[in-house]
Structures are given as structure tokens and as C-alpha cells.
Amino acid sequence: MIEENLKENYRKVAFNLYTLRTVKGWTQEQLAIFSNVERAKISRIENYREDFLFSTILKLAATLDVPTQALLDLSVDVPPDFEQNRKKQPKKRNKQS
């Protein structure tokens, strides 16, 4: 039971991070550059595969210009199709000239 609750809480943080990042129109790579947090770490948080440090949440919240609570809001209702819809988003690639 505890494991399920933990997973659901990480899922909510993942949803919050993904939502706040995409509202800004940023890719994971852009957020990584702006926040000095590795892109792979951001990906792992968004896929709730990372037991993140509080300092990481502080950096991400500051970079996204939101209160820390916006990322840690566990009262959010995550849509059941969150994972499917997220994976359908086209990946933005930097064009090289």
C-alpha cells in the first residue's frame, strides 16, 4: 500500500513538472540548460523513475518561476491518460544550420 501511494505521489510531481514545463513551451533540454539540471534527470522525474533531491525541485521551481509547492502539489488530479498523451507529443529538435 505504501509503495502504491509513493508511486502515485511521484506521478503527481511528474505531472506537475511536465505541465509547468510545457506551458512555458520548453523542451526537457531547454529546462535542463536553464536550470543546470541534467536532461536525463528531468526525464526520469517526469517518468517518475527518480527519487529526486529537494534541491533539484528548488532549482526547477526557480527556473520555471513558480512556487516550490506548484511542483509538489499532491492534491492535483492526474488524468488517467497522462502517460499516453505525453508520449504522443512530437519531440522538438533543434535545427542546425
C-alpha atoms as a PDB file:
ATOM      1  CA  MET A   1       0.000   0.000   0.000  1.00  0.00           C
ATOM      2  CA  ILE A   2       2.768   2.431   0.918  1.00  0.00           C
ATOM      3  CA  GLU A   3       4.598   1.640  -2.323  1.00  0.00           C
ATOM      4  CA  GLU A   4       1.450   2.426  -4.348  1.00  0.00           C
ATOM      5  CA  ASN A   5       0.984   5.733  -2.513  1.00  0.00           C
ATOM      6  CA  LEU A   6       4.603   6.681  -3.141  1.00  0.00           C
ATOM      7  CA  LYS A   7       4.301   5.861  -6.824  1.00  0.00           C
ATOM      8  CA  GLU A   8       1.129   7.945  -7.110  1.00  0.00           C
ATOM      9  CA  ASN A   9       2.793  10.890  -5.367  1.00  0.00           C
ATOM     10  CA  TYR A  10       5.773  10.702  -7.732  1.00  0.00           C
ATOM     11  CA  ARG A  11       3.296  10.525 -10.614  1.00  0.00           C
ATOM     12  CA  LYS A  12       1.699  13.771  -9.398  1.00  0.00           C
ATOM     13  CA  VAL A  13       5.065  15.522  -9.213  1.00  0.00           C
ATOM     14  CA  ALA A  14       5.822  14.202 -12.717  1.00  0.00           C
ATOM     15  CA  PHE A  15       2.531  15.593 -13.994  1.00  0.00           C
ATOM     16  CA  ASN A  16       3.158  18.963 -12.336  1.00  0.00           C
ATOM     17  CA  LEU A  17       6.658  19.255 -13.788  1.00  0.00           C
ATOM     18  CA  TYR A  18       5.570  18.187 -17.259  1.00  0.00           C
ATOM     19  CA  THR A  19       2.604  20.582 -17.231  1.00  0.00           C
ATOM     20  CA  LEU A  20       4.575  23.582 -15.981  1.00  0.00           C
ATOM     21  CA  ARG A  21       7.391  22.923 -18.456  1.00  0.00           C
ATOM     22  CA  THR A  22       5.114  22.532 -21.469  1.00  0.00           C
ATOM     23  CA  VAL A  23       3.039  25.604 -20.548  1.00  0.00           C
ATOM     24  CA  LYS A  24       6.289  27.539 -20.936  1.00  0.00           C
ATOM     25  CA  GLY A  25       6.780  25.858 -24.301  1.00  0.00           C
ATOM     26  CA  TRP A  26      10.086  24.380 -23.170  1.00  0.00           C
ATOM     27  CA  THR A  27      11.622  21.055 -24.060  1.00  0.00           C
ATOM     28  CA  GLN A  28      13.351  18.981 -21.418  1.00  0.00           C
ATOM     29  CA  GLU A  29      16.639  20.070 -22.968  1.00  0.00           C
ATOM     30  CA  GLN A  30      15.776  23.756 -22.588  1.00  0.00           C
ATOM     31  CA  LEU A  31      14.731  23.297 -18.963  1.00  0.00           C
ATOM     32  CA  ALA A  32      17.971  21.410 -18.347  1.00  0.00           C
ATOM     33  CA  ILE A  33      20.060  24.246 -19.760  1.00  0.00           C
ATOM     34  CA  PHE A  34      18.156  26.972 -17.894  1.00  0.00           C
ATOM     35  CA  SER A  35      18.115  25.102 -14.559  1.00  0.00           C
ATOM     36  CA  ASN A  36      21.508  23.378 -14.686  1.00  0.00           C
ATOM     37  CA  VAL A  37      19.757  20.056 -14.019  1.00  0.00           C
ATOM     38  CA  GLU A  38      20.662  17.170 -16.329  1.00  0.00           C
ATOM     39  CA  ARG A  39      18.085  16.476 -19.032  1.00  0.00           C
ATOM     40  CA  ALA A  40      18.161  12.786 -18.169  1.00  0.00           C
ATOM     41  CA  LYS A  41      17.271  13.617 -14.563  1.00  0.00           C
ATOM     42  CA  ILE A  42      14.330  15.756 -15.731  1.00  0.00           C
ATOM     43  CA  SER A  43      13.190  12.882 -17.923  1.00  0.00           C
ATOM     44  CA  ARG A  44      13.438  10.432 -15.025  1.00  0.00           C
ATOM     45  CA  ILE A  45      11.402  12.761 -12.789  1.00  0.00           C
ATOM     46  CA  GLU A  46       8.745  13.210 -15.485  1.00  0.00           C
ATOM     47  CA  ASN A  47       8.577   9.438 -15.850  1.00  0.00           C
ATOM     48  CA  TYR A  48       8.583   9.037 -12.034  1.00  0.00           C
ATOM     49  CA  ARG A  49      11.699   6.885 -12.122  1.00  0.00           C
ATOM     50  CA  GLU A  50      13.823   9.202  -9.983  1.00  0.00           C
ATOM     51  CA  ASP A  51      13.941   9.647  -6.222  1.00  0.00           C
ATOM     52  CA  PHE A  52      14.824  13.303  -6.601  1.00  0.00           C
ATOM     53  CA  LEU A  53      16.560  15.618  -4.165  1.00  0.00           C
ATOM     54  CA  PHE A  54      14.708  18.586  -2.728  1.00  0.00           C
ATOM     55  CA  SER A  55      17.462  20.840  -4.102  1.00  0.00           C
ATOM     56  CA  THR A  56      16.539  19.649  -7.606  1.00  0.00           C
ATOM     57  CA  ILE A  57      12.905  20.638  -7.036  1.00  0.00           C
ATOM     58  CA  LEU A  58      14.053  24.042  -5.757  1.00  0.00           C
ATOM     59  CA  LYS A  59      16.154  24.608  -8.898  1.00  0.00           C
ATOM     60  CA  LEU A  60      13.347  23.532 -11.224  1.00  0.00           C
ATOM     61  CA  ALA A  61      10.738  25.662  -9.444  1.00  0.00           C
ATOM     62  CA  ALA A  62      13.005  28.717  -9.524  1.00  0.00           C
ATOM     63  CA  THR A  63      13.735  28.209 -13.217  1.00  0.00           C
ATOM     64  CA  LEU A  64      10.052  27.743 -14.035  1.00  0.00           C
ATOM     65  CA  ASP A  65       9.303  30.829 -11.894  1.00  0.00           C
ATOM     66  CA  VAL A  66       6.726  29.010  -9.774  1.00  0.00           C
ATOM     67  CA  PRO A  67       6.482  28.344  -6.042  1.00  0.00           C
ATOM     68  CA  THR A  68       8.002  25.052  -4.948  1.00  0.00           C
ATOM     69  CA  GLN A  69       4.502  23.978  -3.910  1.00  0.00           C
ATOM     70  CA  ALA A  70       3.436  24.067  -7.577  1.00  0.00           C
ATOM     71  CA  LEU A  71       5.747  21.129  -8.265  1.00  0.00           C
ATOM     72  CA  LEU A  72       4.964  19.328  -5.011  1.00  0.00           C
ATOM     73  CA  ASP A  73       1.171  19.763  -5.160  1.00  0.00           C
ATOM     74  CA  LEU A  74      -0.158  16.301  -4.327  1.00  0.00           C
ATOM     75  CA  SER A  75      -3.803  17.394  -4.483  1.00  0.00           C
ATOM     76  CA  VAL A  76      -3.704  17.533  -8.289  1.00  0.00           C
ATOM     77  CA  ASP A  77      -5.854  15.076 -10.223  1.00  0.00           C
ATOM     78  CA  VAL A  78      -3.667  13.447 -12.846  1.00  0.00           C
ATOM     79  CA  PRO A  79      -5.642  12.452 -15.953  1.00  0.00           C
ATOM     80  CA  PRO A  80      -5.677   8.669 -16.425  1.00  0.00           C
ATOM     81  CA  ASP A  81      -4.258   9.062 -19.938  1.00  0.00           C
ATOM     82  CA  PHE A  82      -1.400  11.370 -18.858  1.00  0.00           C
ATOM     83  CA  GLU A  83       1.343   8.946 -19.844  1.00  0.00           C
ATOM     84  CA  GLN A  84      -0.203   8.094 -23.217  1.00  0.00           C
ATOM     85  CA  ASN A  85      -0.813  11.721 -24.178  1.00  0.00           C
ATOM     86  CA  ARG A  86       2.672  12.754 -23.106  1.00  0.00           C
ATOM     87  CA  LYS A  87       4.289  10.100 -25.276  1.00  0.00           C
ATOM     88  CA  LYS A  88       2.261  11.192 -28.309  1.00  0.00           C
ATOM     89  CA  GLN A  89       3.752  14.693 -28.217  1.00  0.00           C
ATOM     90  CA  PRO A  90       6.176  15.246 -31.096  1.00  0.00           C
ATOM     91  CA  LYS A  91       9.732  15.773 -29.965  1.00  0.00           C
ATOM     92  CA  LYS A  92      11.137  19.201 -30.704  1.00  0.00           C
ATOM     93  CA  ARG A  93      14.564  19.117 -32.238  1.00  0.00           C
ATOM     94  CA  ASN A  94      16.985  21.978 -32.524  1.00  0.00           C
ATOM     95  CA  LYS A  95      17.560  22.804 -36.161  1.00  0.00           C
ATOM     96  CA  GLN A  96      21.178  23.169 -37.115  1.00  0.00           C
ATOM     97  CA  SER A  97      22.111  25.488 -39.935  1.00  0.00           C
END
